[in-house]
């Protein structure tokens, strides 16, 4: 169904372009700061929050940066509007994640002329790992597929930005592309990138210090788990209800019981949830164990209030440092 919707959108965009829609107007739900008419600023479009924030930190007002995903919206179920596709078509630099959640992007890119566009895929910036199902986790229900002799392609974890170590690699790749696309501002971009990478180094060191001085190395999520790269980076063991890209929201009684038993057995003081979650499962586990319900922000997206305040990746992750310390004490 989603493929059909994307196809219809692409057709609609082509029709709108032929009708002269071009760069007219901004979609109300997309997030951007339009420039004055006739502006020659570099136009950058990103699908979700992390690359949006990285790009605006690098450019510091010298480029127009747009995020297609509206604040407070769920990233995995995002579907583009015709105006979103027009924004992609007209931008100079387009940045997206590149996993299964972005299948719609490949269809859009194939339908437009990208010869003058720089395209950055976050999953091409780092070494990716396969999404895994750990002990006690709900397994994804397999979709019915037509029988084929070809081996099934592995599903890679999309949440590459959750590790500050990966974030540094991503920022550098974005910076290089922006400098190539906008040579006149390259010196400023390089200076901003150097300063931002230094802050990411400090963030990385802060997480490592928390883990090095922790009493335990296990974290529990009464939620999806989009922190595989983060856990691998700092040597953490984890248990969770669902993988990071799961569409499920209701865990089985057996899964909830497993997490409750794990917290009780290891006397784990915190049960985590992620942003924009209903927290019901985490609250239920808390009631049965006494564990405190705490947010570990995966930075997929942020609330409208935080967006309006200018909250960034570093702000969210620095709060994660404190929350992780509480969970590992």
C-alpha atoms as a PDB file:
ATOM      1  CA  UNK A   1       0.000   0.000   0.000  1.00  0.00           C
ATOM      2  CA  UNK A   2       2.824   2.390   0.910  1.00  0.00           C
ATOM      3  CA  UNK A   3       4.518   1.715  -2.442  1.00  0.00           C
ATOM      4  CA  UNK A   4       1.296   2.585  -4.249  1.00  0.00           C
ATOM      5  CA  UNK A   5       0.950   5.829  -2.288  1.00  0.00           C
ATOM      6  CA  UNK A   6       4.521   6.814  -3.117  1.00  0.00           C
ATOM      7  CA  UNK A   7       3.933   6.071  -6.812  1.00  0.00           C
ATOM      8  CA  UNK A   8       0.842   8.292  -6.800  1.00  0.00           C
ATOM      9  CA  UNK A   9       2.801  11.046  -5.078  1.00  0.00           C
ATOM     10  CA  UNK A  10       5.568  10.912  -7.660  1.00  0.00           C
ATOM     11  CA  UNK A  11       3.010  11.176 -10.470  1.00  0.00           C
ATOM     12  CA  UNK A  12       1.373  14.093  -8.651  1.00  0.00           C
ATOM     13  CA  UNK A  13       4.700  15.868  -8.293  1.00  0.00           C
ATOM     14  CA  UNK A  14       5.479  15.534 -11.979  1.00  0.00           C
ATOM     15  CA  UNK A  15       2.084  16.978 -12.789  1.00  0.00           C
ATOM     16  CA  UNK A  16       2.586  19.857 -10.346  1.00  0.00           C
ATOM     17  CA  UNK A  17       6.035  20.596 -11.761  1.00  0.00           C
ATOM     18  CA  UNK A  18       4.684  20.719 -15.310  1.00  0.00           C
ATOM     19  CA  UNK A  19       2.005  23.066 -14.050  1.00  0.00           C
ATOM     20  CA  UNK A  20       4.715  25.426 -12.816  1.00  0.00           C
ATOM     21  CA  UNK A  21       4.637  24.694  -9.106  1.00  0.00           C
ATOM     22  CA  UNK A  22       8.426  24.726  -8.847  1.00  0.00           C
ATOM     23  CA  UNK A  23       9.557  26.352  -5.620  1.00  0.00           C
ATOM     24  CA  UNK A  24       6.264  27.987  -4.770  1.00  0.00           C
ATOM     25  CA  UNK A  25       5.407  28.051  -1.110  1.00  0.00           C
ATOM     26  CA  UNK A  26       6.478  25.953   1.873  1.00  0.00           C
ATOM     27  CA  UNK A  27       4.597  22.975   3.181  1.00  0.00           C
ATOM     28  CA  UNK A  28       3.246  23.889   6.593  1.00  0.00           C
ATOM     29  CA  UNK A  29       4.200  20.565   8.150  1.00  0.00           C
ATOM     30  CA  UNK A  30       7.810  20.538   6.919  1.00  0.00           C
ATOM     31  CA  UNK A  31      10.312  22.462   8.968  1.00  0.00           C
ATOM     32  CA  UNK A  32      12.377  25.133   7.267  1.00  0.00           C
ATOM     33  CA  UNK A  33      13.423  28.729   7.501  1.00  0.00           C
ATOM     34  CA  UNK A  34      12.747  30.251   4.092  1.00  0.00           C
ATOM     35  CA  UNK A  35      15.174  32.831   2.713  1.00  0.00           C
ATOM     36  CA  UNK A  36      14.189  36.132   1.131  1.00  0.00           C
ATOM     37  CA  UNK A  37      13.094  35.989  -2.481  1.00  0.00           C
ATOM     38  CA  UNK A  38      16.014  35.537  -4.816  1.00  0.00           C
ATOM     39  CA  UNK A  39      18.293  34.109  -2.126  1.00  0.00           C
ATOM     40  CA  UNK A  40      21.284  32.179  -3.424  1.00  0.00           C
ATOM     41  CA  UNK A  41      21.774  30.210  -0.215  1.00  0.00           C
ATOM     42  CA  UNK A  42      22.552  26.523  -0.428  1.00  0.00           C
ATOM     43  CA  UNK A  43      19.349  24.484  -0.075  1.00  0.00           C
ATOM     44  CA  UNK A  44      19.642  21.393   2.161  1.00  0.00           C
ATOM     45  CA  UNK A  45      16.778  18.945   2.732  1.00  0.00           C
ATOM     46  CA  UNK A  46      16.899  16.149   5.315  1.00  0.00           C
ATOM     47  CA  UNK A  47      14.335  13.494   6.160  1.00  0.00           C
ATOM     48  CA  UNK A  48      14.750  13.370   9.950  1.00  0.00           C
ATOM     49  CA  UNK A  49      16.179  15.340  12.879  1.00  0.00           C
ATOM     50  CA  UNK A  50      19.817  14.199  13.355  1.00  0.00           C
ATOM     51  CA  UNK A  51      21.098  15.180   9.879  1.00  0.00           C
ATOM     52  CA  UNK A  52      18.950  18.319  10.050  1.00  0.00           C
ATOM     53  CA  UNK A  53      20.694  19.378  13.241  1.00  0.00           C
ATOM     54  CA  UNK A  54      24.139  18.368  11.990  1.00  0.00           C
ATOM     55  CA  UNK A  55      23.635  20.416   8.822  1.00  0.00           C
ATOM     56  CA  UNK A  56      22.450  23.510  10.669  1.00  0.00           C
ATOM     57  CA  UNK A  57      25.396  23.292  13.101  1.00  0.00           C
ATOM     58  CA  UNK A  58      27.822  23.114  10.172  1.00  0.00           C
ATOM     59  CA  UNK A  59      26.210  25.906   8.126  1.00  0.00           C
ATOM     60  CA  UNK A  60      25.205  28.193  11.037  1.00  0.00           C
ATOM     61  CA  UNK A  61      22.676  30.235   9.066  1.00  0.00           C
ATOM     62  CA  UNK A  62      24.595  30.333   5.794  1.00  0.00           C
ATOM     63  CA  UNK A  63      22.270  27.756   4.171  1.00  0.00           C
ATOM     64  CA  UNK A  64      18.580  26.922   4.124  1.00  0.00           C
ATOM     65  CA  UNK A  65      18.060  23.661   6.019  1.00  0.00           C
ATOM     66  CA  UNK A  66      14.706  21.858   5.841  1.00  0.00           C
ATOM     67  CA  UNK A  67      13.512  18.787   7.745  1.00  0.00           C
ATOM     68  CA  UNK A  68      10.681  16.910   6.061  1.00  0.00           C
ATOM     69  CA  UNK A  69       9.566  15.059   9.194  1.00  0.00           C
ATOM     70  CA  UNK A  70       7.332  17.396  11.225  1.00  0.00           C
ATOM     71  CA  UNK A  71       8.356  17.770  14.902  1.00  0.00           C
ATOM     72  CA  UNK A  72       6.640  15.271  17.236  1.00  0.00           C
ATOM     73  CA  UNK A  73       5.891  12.900  14.337  1.00  0.00           C
ATOM     74  CA  UNK A  74       6.829   9.211  14.193  1.00  0.00           C
ATOM     75  CA  UNK A  75       9.721   8.760  11.786  1.00  0.00           C
ATOM     76  CA  UNK A  76       9.153   5.115  10.806  1.00  0.00           C
ATOM     77  CA  UNK A  77       5.649   5.708   9.468  1.00  0.00           C
ATOM     78  CA  UNK A  78       6.462   8.944   7.631  1.00  0.00           C
ATOM     79  CA  UNK A  79       5.065   9.278   4.106  1.00  0.00           C
ATOM     80  CA  UNK A  80       6.012  12.223   1.885  1.00  0.00           C
ATOM     81  CA  UNK A  81       3.523  14.696   0.504  1.00  0.00           C
ATOM     82  CA  UNK A  82       3.762  16.108  -3.036  1.00  0.00           C
ATOM     83  CA  UNK A  83       5.270  19.275  -1.559  1.00  0.00           C
ATOM     84  CA  UNK A  84       7.926  17.185   0.204  1.00  0.00           C
ATOM     85  CA  UNK A  85       8.916  15.600  -3.086  1.00  0.00           C
ATOM     86  CA  UNK A  86       9.118  19.024  -4.715  1.00  0.00           C
ATOM     87  CA  UNK A  87      11.440  20.166  -1.919  1.00  0.00           C
ATOM     88  CA  UNK A  88      13.697  17.193  -2.615  1.00  0.00           C
ATOM     89  CA  UNK A  89      13.582  17.856  -6.371  1.00  0.00           C
ATOM     90  CA  UNK A  90      14.634  21.498  -5.929  1.00  0.00           C
ATOM     91  CA  UNK A  91      17.321  21.144  -3.253  1.00  0.00           C
ATOM     92  CA  UNK A  92      21.095  21.256  -3.689  1.00  0.00           C
ATOM     93  CA  UNK A  93      21.874  18.670  -1.006  1.00  0.00           C
ATOM     94  CA  UNK A  94      19.600  15.857   0.150  1.00  0.00           C
ATOM     95  CA  UNK A  95      20.359  13.777   3.261  1.00  0.00           C
ATOM     96  CA  UNK A  96      18.480  10.667   4.329  1.00  0.00           C
ATOM     97  CA  UNK A  97      19.083   7.546   6.427  1.00  0.00           C
ATOM     98  CA  UNK A  98      18.939   4.836   3.778  1.00  0.00           C
ATOM     99  CA  UNK A  99      17.320   1.884   5.541  1.00  0.00           C
ATOM    100  CA  UNK A 100      14.063   0.052   4.892  1.00  0.00           C
ATOM    101  CA  UNK A 101      12.094   2.948   6.363  1.00  0.00           C
ATOM    102  CA  UNK A 102      13.376   5.052   3.476  1.00  0.00           C
ATOM    103  CA  UNK A 103      12.309   2.799   0.621  1.00  0.00           C
ATOM    104  CA  UNK A 104      10.107   5.639  -0.576  1.00  0.00           C
ATOM    105  CA  UNK A 105      13.198   7.813  -1.057  1.00  0.00           C
ATOM    106  CA  UNK A 106      14.716   5.505  -3.664  1.00  0.00           C
ATOM    107  CA  UNK A 107      11.527   5.678  -5.719  1.00  0.00           C
ATOM    108  CA  UNK A 108      11.479   9.457  -5.532  1.00  0.00           C
ATOM    109  CA  UNK A 109      15.147   9.820  -6.473  1.00  0.00           C
ATOM    110  CA  UNK A 110      14.685   7.544  -9.481  1.00  0.00           C
ATOM    111  CA  UNK A 111      11.848   9.743 -10.695  1.00  0.00           C
ATOM    112  CA  UNK A 112      13.731  13.065 -10.668  1.00  0.00           C
ATOM    113  CA  UNK A 113      16.926  14.522 -12.132  1.00  0.00           C
ATOM    114  CA  UNK A 114      19.610  14.244  -9.427  1.00  0.00           C
ATOM    115  CA  UNK A 115      22.594  15.083 -11.660  1.00  0.00           C
ATOM    116  CA  UNK A 116      23.179  18.446  -9.946  1.00  0.00           C
ATOM    117  CA  UNK A 117      22.238  17.292  -6.450  1.00  0.00           C
ATOM    118  CA  UNK A 118      24.550  15.992  -3.741  1.00  0.00           C
ATOM    119  CA  UNK A 119      22.974  13.008  -1.962  1.00  0.00           C
ATOM    120  CA  UNK A 120      24.182  11.720   1.412  1.00  0.00           C
ATOM    121  CA  UNK A 121      23.006   8.463   2.938  1.00  0.00           C
ATOM    122  CA  UNK A 122      23.759   8.166   6.656  1.00  0.00           C
ATOM    123  CA  UNK A 123      24.136   4.394   6.487  1.00  0.00           C
ATOM    124  CA  UNK A 124      26.892   4.845   3.894  1.00  0.00           C
ATOM    125  CA  UNK A 125      28.865   7.029   6.308  1.00  0.00           C
ATOM    126  CA  UNK A 126      29.549   4.289   8.864  1.00  0.00           C
ATOM    127  CA  UNK A 127      29.983   0.541   9.201  1.00  0.00           C
ATOM    128  CA  UNK A 128      26.477  -0.856   9.613  1.00  0.00           C
ATOM    129  CA  UNK A 129      25.361  -3.886  11.619  1.00  0.00           C
ATOM    130  CA  UNK A 130      22.368  -6.134  11.241  1.00  0.00           C
ATOM    131  CA  UNK A 131      19.355  -5.549  13.453  1.00  0.00           C
ATOM    132  CA  UNK A 132      19.254  -8.298  16.060  1.00  0.00           C
ATOM    133  CA  UNK A 133      16.706  -9.978  18.274  1.00  0.00           C
ATOM    134  CA  UNK A 134      18.088 -10.554  21.763  1.00  0.00           C
ATOM    135  CA  UNK A 135      16.818 -12.837  24.497  1.00  0.00           C
ATOM    136  CA  UNK A 136      13.288 -11.998  25.610  1.00  0.00           C
ATOM    137  CA  UNK A 137      12.569  -9.648  22.693  1.00  0.00           C
ATOM    138  CA  UNK A 138       9.411  -9.911  20.601  1.00  0.00           C
ATOM    139  CA  UNK A 139      10.217 -11.175  17.137  1.00  0.00           C
ATOM    140  CA  UNK A 140       8.842  -9.270  14.182  1.00  0.00           C
ATOM    141  CA  UNK A 141       5.929 -10.926  12.407  1.00  0.00           C
ATOM    142  CA  UNK A 142       7.099 -12.020   8.970  1.00  0.00           C
ATOM    143  CA  UNK A 143       5.215 -10.530   6.031  1.00  0.00           C
ATOM    144  CA  UNK A 144       3.893 -13.000   3.494  1.00  0.00           C
ATOM    145  CA  UNK A 145       6.121 -12.939   0.433  1.00  0.00           C
ATOM    146  CA  UNK A 146       6.140 -14.718  -2.901  1.00  0.00           C
ATOM    147  CA  UNK A 147       8.409 -17.773  -2.817  1.00  0.00           C
ATOM    148  CA  UNK A 148      11.858 -17.097  -4.296  1.00  0.00           C
ATOM    149  CA  UNK A 149      15.117 -18.990  -4.704  1.00  0.00           C
ATOM    150  CA  UNK A 150      17.109 -15.832  -3.939  1.00  0.00           C
ATOM    151  CA  UNK A 151      18.406 -15.485  -0.336  1.00  0.00           C
ATOM    152  CA  UNK A 152      16.634 -12.919   1.825  1.00  0.00           C
ATOM    153  CA  UNK A 153      18.604  -9.702   2.203  1.00  0.00           C
ATOM    154  CA  UNK A 154      19.725  -8.896   5.768  1.00  0.00           C
ATOM    155  CA  UNK A 155      17.992  -6.042   7.584  1.00  0.00           C
ATOM    156  CA  UNK A 156      20.516  -3.522   8.826  1.00  0.00           C
ATOM    157  CA  UNK A 157      19.970  -1.332  11.858  1.00  0.00           C
ATOM    158  CA  UNK A 158      19.160   2.180  10.662  1.00  0.00           C
ATOM    159  CA  UNK A 159      19.871   4.120  13.852  1.00  0.00           C
ATOM    160  CA  UNK A 160      23.498   4.889  13.078  1.00  0.00           C
ATOM    161  CA  UNK A 161      23.511   8.349  14.698  1.00  0.00           C
ATOM    162  CA  UNK A 162      22.811   7.082  18.251  1.00  0.00           C
ATOM    163  CA  UNK A 163      26.534   6.498  18.786  1.00  0.00           C
ATOM    164  CA  UNK A 164      28.516   9.755  19.103  1.00  0.00           C
ATOM    165  CA  UNK A 165      31.417   7.909  17.475  1.00  0.00           C
ATOM    166  CA  UNK A 166      29.245   7.396  14.390  1.00  0.00           C
ATOM    167  CA  UNK A 167      27.898  10.935  14.637  1.00  0.00           C
ATOM    168  CA  UNK A 168      31.437  12.241  14.158  1.00  0.00           C
ATOM    169  CA  UNK A 169      31.846  10.252  10.953  1.00  0.00           C
ATOM    170  CA  UNK A 170      28.456  11.410   9.683  1.00  0.00           C
ATOM    171  CA  UNK A 171      29.165  15.081  10.460  1.00  0.00           C
ATOM    172  CA  UNK A 172      32.477  14.922   8.629  1.00  0.00           C
ATOM    173  CA  UNK A 173      30.865  13.368   5.536  1.00  0.00           C
ATOM    174  CA  UNK A 174      28.097  15.982   5.547  1.00  0.00           C
ATOM    175  CA  UNK A 175      30.637  18.776   5.983  1.00  0.00           C
ATOM    176  CA  UNK A 176      32.727  17.563   3.065  1.00  0.00           C
ATOM    177  CA  UNK A 177      29.676  17.443   0.804  1.00  0.00           C
ATOM    178  CA  UNK A 178      28.505  20.914   1.849  1.00  0.00           C
ATOM    179  CA  UNK A 179      31.943  22.400   1.248  1.00  0.00           C
ATOM    180  CA  UNK A 180      31.925  20.928  -2.258  1.00  0.00           C
ATOM    181  CA  UNK A 181      28.418  22.195  -2.938  1.00  0.00           C
ATOM    182  CA  UNK A 182      29.055  25.693  -1.547  1.00  0.00           C
ATOM    183  CA  UNK A 183      32.764  26.583  -2.006  1.00  0.00           C
ATOM    184  CA  UNK A 184      32.323  30.238  -1.084  1.00  0.00           C
ATOM    185  CA  UNK A 185      31.311  29.257   2.462  1.00  0.00           C
ATOM    186  CA  UNK A 186      33.608  26.231   2.742  1.00  0.00           C
ATOM    187  CA  UNK A 187      36.034  27.931   5.168  1.00  0.00           C
ATOM    188  CA  UNK A 188      33.210  28.755   7.578  1.00  0.00           C
ATOM    189  CA  UNK A 189      31.764  25.262   7.261  1.00  0.00           C
ATOM    190  CA  UNK A 190      35.142  23.704   8.053  1.00  0.00           C
ATOM    191  CA  UNK A 191      35.585  25.925  11.091  1.00  0.00           C
ATOM    192  CA  UNK A 192      32.100  25.122  12.380  1.00  0.00           C
ATOM    193  CA  UNK A 193      32.671  21.413  11.757  1.00  0.00           C
ATOM    194  CA  UNK A 194      35.917  21.428  13.724  1.00  0.00           C
ATOM    195  CA  UNK A 195      34.183  23.074  16.690  1.00  0.00           C
ATOM    196  CA  UNK A 196      31.238  20.669  16.549  1.00  0.00           C
ATOM    197  CA  UNK A 197      33.454  17.582  16.265  1.00  0.00           C
ATOM    198  CA  UNK A 198      35.257  18.752  19.391  1.00  0.00           C
ATOM    199  CA  UNK A 199      31.930  18.823  21.251  1.00  0.00           C
ATOM    200  CA  UNK A 200      31.121  15.334  19.979  1.00  0.00           C
ATOM    201  CA  UNK A 201      34.513  14.176  21.298  1.00  0.00           C
ATOM    202  CA  UNK A 202      33.559  15.567  24.709  1.00  0.00           C
ATOM    203  CA  UNK A 203      30.198  13.798  24.540  1.00  0.00           C
ATOM    204  CA  UNK A 204      31.868  10.521  23.609  1.00  0.00           C
ATOM    205  CA  UNK A 205      34.290  10.875  26.528  1.00  0.00           C
ATOM    206  CA  UNK A 206      31.433  11.632  28.922  1.00  0.00           C
ATOM    207  CA  UNK A 207      29.567   8.442  27.954  1.00  0.00           C
ATOM    208  CA  UNK A 208      32.764   6.400  28.212  1.00  0.00           C
ATOM    209  CA  UNK A 209      33.443   7.815  31.681  1.00  0.00           C
ATOM    210  CA  UNK A 210      29.953   6.841  32.851  1.00  0.00           C
ATOM    211  CA  UNK A 211      30.386   3.278  31.596  1.00  0.00           C
ATOM    212  CA  UNK A 212      33.947   2.936  32.944  1.00  0.00           C
ATOM    213  CA  UNK A 213      32.779   3.908  36.440  1.00  0.00           C
ATOM    214  CA  UNK A 214      29.456   2.030  36.405  1.00  0.00           C
ATOM    215  CA  UNK A 215      28.401  -0.750  38.770  1.00  0.00           C
ATOM    216  CA  UNK A 216      26.656  -2.604  35.949  1.00  0.00           C
ATOM    217  CA  UNK A 217      26.698  -2.777  32.164  1.00  0.00           C
ATOM    218  CA  UNK A 218      23.065  -3.795  31.481  1.00  0.00           C
ATOM    219  CA  UNK A 219      20.181  -1.550  30.420  1.00  0.00           C
ATOM    220  CA  UNK A 220      16.505  -2.459  30.009  1.00  0.00           C
ATOM    221  CA  UNK A 221      13.953  -0.860  27.671  1.00  0.00           C
ATOM    222  CA  UNK A 222      10.204  -1.258  28.055  1.00  0.00           C
ATOM    223  CA  UNK A 223      10.017  -0.049  24.475  1.00  0.00           C
ATOM    224  CA  UNK A 224      11.693  -0.369  21.070  1.00  0.00           C
ATOM    225  CA  UNK A 225      15.492  -0.434  21.108  1.00  0.00           C
ATOM    226  CA  UNK A 226      17.134   1.899  18.563  1.00  0.00           C
ATOM    227  CA  UNK A 227      20.465   1.992  20.455  1.00  0.00           C
ATOM    228  CA  UNK A 228      22.350  -0.950  18.939  1.00  0.00           C
ATOM    229  CA  UNK A 229      25.249   1.226  17.733  1.00  0.00           C
ATOM    230  CA  UNK A 230      25.342   3.043  21.060  1.00  0.00           C
ATOM    231  CA  UNK A 231      25.404  -0.212  23.044  1.00  0.00           C
ATOM    232  CA  UNK A 232      28.145  -1.635  20.831  1.00  0.00           C
ATOM    233  CA  UNK A 233      30.232   1.546  21.142  1.00  0.00           C
ATOM    234  CA  UNK A 234      30.295   1.437  24.948  1.00  0.00           C
ATOM    235  CA  UNK A 235      30.137  -2.290  25.621  1.00  0.00           C
ATOM    236  CA  UNK A 236      26.633  -2.335  27.065  1.00  0.00           C
ATOM    237  CA  UNK A 237      24.323  -5.329  27.280  1.00  0.00           C
ATOM    238  CA  UNK A 238      20.658  -4.668  26.680  1.00  0.00           C
ATOM    239  CA  UNK A 239      17.208  -6.202  26.922  1.00  0.00           C
ATOM    240  CA  UNK A 240      14.149  -4.688  25.276  1.00  0.00           C
ATOM    241  CA  UNK A 241      10.629  -5.428  24.131  1.00  0.00           C
ATOM    242  CA  UNK A 242      11.158  -4.762  20.408  1.00  0.00           C
ATOM    243  CA  UNK A 243      13.919  -4.065  17.865  1.00  0.00           C
ATOM    244  CA  UNK A 244      14.501  -0.450  16.897  1.00  0.00           C
ATOM    245  CA  UNK A 245      12.348  -0.354  13.766  1.00  0.00           C
ATOM    246  CA  UNK A 246       9.502  -2.500  15.046  1.00  0.00           C
ATOM    247  CA  UNK A 247       5.995  -1.325  14.263  1.00  0.00           C
ATOM    248  CA  UNK A 248       4.623  -3.193  17.281  1.00  0.00           C
ATOM    249  CA  UNK A 249       3.511  -1.317  20.382  1.00  0.00           C
ATOM    250  CA  UNK A 250       1.934  -4.051  22.501  1.00  0.00           C
ATOM    251  CA  UNK A 251       4.279  -6.718  23.862  1.00  0.00           C
ATOM    252  CA  UNK A 252       3.167 -10.183  24.878  1.00  0.00           C
ATOM    253  CA  UNK A 253       2.771 -11.083  28.527  1.00  0.00           C
ATOM    254  CA  UNK A 254       5.824 -13.338  28.192  1.00  0.00           C
ATOM    255  CA  UNK A 255       8.008 -10.450  26.993  1.00  0.00           C
ATOM    256  CA  UNK A 256       6.863  -8.130  29.756  1.00  0.00           C
ATOM    257  CA  UNK A 257       7.409 -10.863  32.356  1.00  0.00           C
ATOM    258  CA  UNK A 258      10.912 -11.506  31.021  1.00  0.00           C
ATOM    259  CA  UNK A 259      11.845  -7.834  31.409  1.00  0.00           C
ATOM    260  CA  UNK A 260      10.319  -7.670  34.874  1.00  0.00           C
ATOM    261  CA  UNK A 261      12.222 -10.774  35.966  1.00  0.00           C
ATOM    262  CA  UNK A 262      15.463  -9.402  34.508  1.00  0.00           C
ATOM    263  CA  UNK A 263      15.136  -6.128  36.408  1.00  0.00           C
ATOM    264  CA  UNK A 264      14.323  -7.923  39.661  1.00  0.00           C
ATOM    265  CA  UNK A 265      17.127 -10.469  39.293  1.00  0.00           C
ATOM    266  CA  UNK A 266      19.815  -7.885  38.566  1.00  0.00           C
ATOM    267  CA  UNK A 267      18.300  -5.129  40.738  1.00  0.00           C
ATOM    268  CA  UNK A 268      18.337  -2.710  37.805  1.00  0.00           C
ATOM    269  CA  UNK A 269      17.142   0.726  39.017  1.00  0.00           C
ATOM    270  CA  UNK A 270      15.835   2.151  35.734  1.00  0.00           C
ATOM    271  CA  UNK A 271      13.570   1.030  32.894  1.00  0.00           C
ATOM    272  CA  UNK A 272      14.035   3.176  29.796  1.00  0.00           C
ATOM    273  CA  UNK A 273      11.592   4.391  27.172  1.00  0.00           C
ATOM    274  CA  UNK A 274      12.324   6.371  24.004  1.00  0.00           C
ATOM    275  CA  UNK A 275      10.982   9.714  22.833  1.00  0.00           C
ATOM    276  CA  UNK A 276       7.386  10.111  21.654  1.00  0.00           C
ATOM    277  CA  UNK A 277       6.464   6.785  23.292  1.00  0.00           C
ATOM    278  CA  UNK A 278       3.229   6.224  25.193  1.00  0.00           C
ATOM    279  CA  UNK A 279       5.368   4.727  28.015  1.00  0.00           C
ATOM    280  CA  UNK A 280       2.627   2.249  28.953  1.00  0.00           C
ATOM    281  CA  UNK A 281       4.908  -0.780  28.944  1.00  0.00           C
ATOM    282  CA  UNK A 282       7.672   0.989  30.854  1.00  0.00           C
ATOM    283  CA  UNK A 283       5.133   2.172  33.437  1.00  0.00           C
ATOM    284  CA  UNK A 284       3.771  -1.352  33.826  1.00  0.00           C
ATOM    285  CA  UNK A 285       7.262  -2.747  34.359  1.00  0.00           C
ATOM    286  CA  UNK A 286       7.981   0.033  36.841  1.00  0.00           C
ATOM    287  CA  UNK A 287       4.879  -0.782  38.870  1.00  0.00           C
ATOM    288  CA  UNK A 288       5.969  -4.418  39.151  1.00  0.00           C
ATOM    289  CA  UNK A 289       9.624  -3.755  39.952  1.00  0.00           C
ATOM    290  CA  UNK A 290       9.989  -0.299  41.485  1.00  0.00           C
ATOM    291  CA  UNK A 291      12.390   0.658  38.694  1.00  0.00           C
ATOM    292  CA  UNK A 292      12.249   4.327  37.739  1.00  0.00           C
ATOM    293  CA  UNK A 293      10.897   5.170  34.274  1.00  0.00           C
ATOM    294  CA  UNK A 294      13.483   7.294  32.450  1.00  0.00           C
ATOM    295  CA  UNK A 295      13.843   8.638  28.902  1.00  0.00           C
ATOM    296  CA  UNK A 296      16.841   7.723  26.773  1.00  0.00           C
ATOM    297  CA  UNK A 297      16.431   9.935  23.722  1.00  0.00           C
ATOM    298  CA  UNK A 298      17.240   8.291  20.385  1.00  0.00           C
ATOM    299  CA  UNK A 299      16.970  11.644  18.563  1.00  0.00           C
ATOM    300  CA  UNK A 300      14.716  10.364  15.750  1.00  0.00           C
ATOM    301  CA  UNK A 301      12.680  13.506  16.258  1.00  0.00           C
ATOM    302  CA  UNK A 302      11.876  16.044  18.930  1.00  0.00           C
ATOM    303  CA  UNK A 303       8.776  17.710  20.315  1.00  0.00           C
ATOM    304  CA  UNK A 304       7.428  20.917  18.817  1.00  0.00           C
ATOM    305  CA  UNK A 305       8.324  22.787  22.007  1.00  0.00           C
ATOM    306  CA  UNK A 306      11.941  21.565  21.933  1.00  0.00           C
ATOM    307  CA  UNK A 307      12.226  22.347  18.250  1.00  0.00           C
ATOM    308  CA  UNK A 308      11.039  25.899  18.810  1.00  0.00           C
ATOM    309  CA  UNK A 309      13.600  26.269  21.612  1.00  0.00           C
ATOM    310  CA  UNK A 310      16.375  25.227  19.258  1.00  0.00           C
ATOM    311  CA  UNK A 311      17.204  22.034  21.145  1.00  0.00           C
ATOM    312  CA  UNK A 312      19.849  20.019  19.296  1.00  0.00           C
ATOM    313  CA  UNK A 313      21.441  16.577  19.173  1.00  0.00           C
ATOM    314  CA  UNK A 314      24.074  17.548  21.748  1.00  0.00           C
ATOM    315  CA  UNK A 315      21.447  18.800  24.203  1.00  0.00           C
ATOM    316  CA  UNK A 316      19.506  15.544  23.981  1.00  0.00           C
ATOM    317  CA  UNK A 317      22.574  13.339  24.237  1.00  0.00           C
ATOM    318  CA  UNK A 318      24.030  15.265  27.164  1.00  0.00           C
ATOM    319  CA  UNK A 319      20.820  14.563  29.057  1.00  0.00           C
ATOM    320  CA  UNK A 320      21.263  10.920  28.050  1.00  0.00           C
ATOM    321  CA  UNK A 321      24.654  10.961  29.795  1.00  0.00           C
ATOM    322  CA  UNK A 322      22.970  11.775  33.096  1.00  0.00           C
ATOM    323  CA  UNK A 323      20.138   9.307  32.564  1.00  0.00           C
ATOM    324  CA  UNK A 324      22.517   6.496  31.635  1.00  0.00           C
ATOM    325  CA  UNK A 325      24.572   7.205  34.763  1.00  0.00           C
ATOM    326  CA  UNK A 326      21.426   6.783  36.865  1.00  0.00           C
ATOM    327  CA  UNK A 327      20.618   3.462  35.165  1.00  0.00           C
ATOM    328  CA  UNK A 328      24.112   1.999  35.619  1.00  0.00           C
ATOM    329  CA  UNK A 329      24.664   2.994  39.237  1.00  0.00           C
END
